[in-house]
Structures are given as C-alpha cells and as structure tokens.
C-alpha atoms as a PDB file:
ATOM      1  CA  MET A   1      85.875 111.381 109.992  1.00  0.00           C
ATOM      2  CA  HIS A   2      82.869 109.426 108.854  1.00  0.00           C
ATOM      3  CA  PRO A   3      83.333 105.783 109.915  1.00  0.00           C
ATOM      4  CA  TYR A   4      82.885 104.323 106.437  1.00  0.00           C
ATOM      5  CA  LEU A   5      85.045 106.850 104.596  1.00  0.00           C
ATOM      6  CA  SER A   6      88.268 105.153 105.660  1.00  0.00           C
ATOM      7  CA  TYR A   7      86.915 101.753 104.582  1.00  0.00           C
ATOM      8  CA  ILE A   8      85.901 103.112 101.177  1.00  0.00           C
ATOM      9  CA  ALA A   9      89.326 104.708 100.699  1.00  0.00           C
ATOM     10  CA  GLY A  10      90.996 101.394 101.577  1.00  0.00           C
ATOM     11  CA  ALA A  11      88.722  99.504  99.215  1.00  0.00           C
ATOM     12  CA  VAL A  12      89.648 101.854  96.370  1.00  0.00           C
ATOM     13  CA  LEU A  13      93.332 101.318  97.164  1.00  0.00           C
ATOM     14  CA  GLY A  14      92.679  97.568  97.201  1.00  0.00           C
ATOM     15  CA  CYS A  15      91.110  97.752  93.742  1.00  0.00           C
ATOM     16  CA  LEU A  16      94.110  99.652  92.429  1.00  0.00           C
ATOM     17  CA  LEU A  17      96.418  97.085  94.005  1.00  0.00           C
ATOM     18  CA  ALA A  18      94.427  94.245  92.425  1.00  0.00           C
ATOM     19  CA  PHE A  19      94.694  95.927  89.007  1.00  0.00           C
ATOM     20  CA  LEU A  20      98.442  96.348  89.430  1.00  0.00           C
ATOM     21  CA  LEU A  21      98.967  92.766  90.581  1.00  0.00           C
ATOM     22  CA  SER A  22      96.832  91.277  87.827  1.00  0.00           C
ATOM     23  CA  SER A  23      98.632  93.217  85.116  1.00  0.00           C
ATOM     24  CA  ALA A  24     102.113  92.662  86.584  1.00  0.00           C
ATOM     25  CA  PHE A  25     101.708  88.903  86.973  1.00  0.00           C
ATOM     26  CA  GLY A  26      99.309  88.298  84.086  1.00  0.00           C
ATOM     27  CA  MET A  27      96.642  86.746  86.288  1.00  0.00           C
ATOM     28  CA  ASP A  28      93.450  85.514  84.697  1.00  0.00           C
ATOM     29  CA  GLY A  29      90.489  83.351  85.530  1.00  0.00           C
ATOM     30  CA  THR A  30      89.762  82.327  89.088  1.00  0.00           C
ATOM     31  CA  LEU A  31      92.908  83.845  90.555  1.00  0.00           C
ATOM     32  CA  LYS A  32      91.985  87.254  89.153  1.00  0.00           C
ATOM     33  CA  LEU A  33      88.452  86.904  90.504  1.00  0.00           C
ATOM     34  CA  VAL A  34      89.778  86.040  93.968  1.00  0.00           C
ATOM     35  CA  ALA A  35      92.222  88.965  93.891  1.00  0.00           C
ATOM     36  CA  PHE A  36      89.483  91.426  92.956  1.00  0.00           C
ATOM     37  CA  GLY A  37      87.241  89.992  95.665  1.00  0.00           C
ATOM     38  CA  LEU A  38      89.730  89.893  98.506  1.00  0.00           C
ATOM     39  CA  MET A  39      92.071  92.845  97.968  1.00  0.00           C
ATOM     40  CA  PRO A  40      89.441  95.590  98.370  1.00  0.00           C
ATOM     41  CA  ALA A  41      88.005  93.906 101.475  1.00  0.00           C
ATOM     42  CA  ILE A  42      91.390  93.320 103.101  1.00  0.00           C
ATOM     43  CA  CYS A  43      92.756  96.782 102.292  1.00  0.00           C
ATOM     44  CA  GLY A  44      89.522  98.482 103.351  1.00  0.00           C
ATOM     45  CA  GLU A  45      89.474  96.719 106.683  1.00  0.00           C
ATOM     46  CA  GLY A  46      93.180  97.303 107.236  1.00  0.00           C
ATOM     47  CA  LEU A  47      93.037 101.025 106.547  1.00  0.00           C
ATOM     48  CA  GLN A  48      89.929 101.429 108.680  1.00  0.00           C
ATOM     49  CA  ARG A  49      91.625  99.682 111.615  1.00  0.00           C
ATOM     50  CA  PHE A  50      94.811 101.700 111.171  1.00  0.00           C
ATOM     51  CA  ILE A  51      92.955 105.018 111.196  1.00  0.00           C
ATOM     52  CA  GLU A  52      90.799 103.927 114.127  1.00  0.00           C
ATOM     53  CA  ARG A  53      93.836 102.931 116.218  1.00  0.00           C
ATOM     54  CA  THR A  54      95.799 106.081 115.415  1.00  0.00           C
ATOM     55  CA  SER A  55      92.846 108.338 116.194  1.00  0.00           C
ATOM     56  CA  ARG A  56      92.225 106.516 119.484  1.00  0.00           C
ATOM     57  CA  SER A  57      95.829 106.913 120.645  1.00  0.00           C
ATOM     58  CA  ARG A  58      95.715 110.722 120.462  1.00  0.00           C
END
C-alpha cells in the first residue's frame, strides 16, 4: 500500500467526522475551525499508524 494512501483515507474520515460533529452539536466560529483543522490530521495520523502496526505484525 502506498504510504500516503492510508493517511489520505484517515483525513477523509476525519473530515466526515468533523462535519458530523459540527452539525450534531451546532458548532460555529472558532470551535468549528479548530475541529476542521484537527480532526483530519488526527484521524489521518491514527489510521496510518494503525495500518502500519498491523502490517508490521504479520
């Protein structure tokens, strides 16, 4: 698997999660900006690490 593909997939999931959280809790302003900045980065890094660790253990 290409090394950045897992990060991109996690970032897309993070964007979807940020959309869901912002609509569910009615976030606006700075909080929404922080959510859309952090969620893709955190989810992208998390998914990339998860895939890297599971592929290494095989």
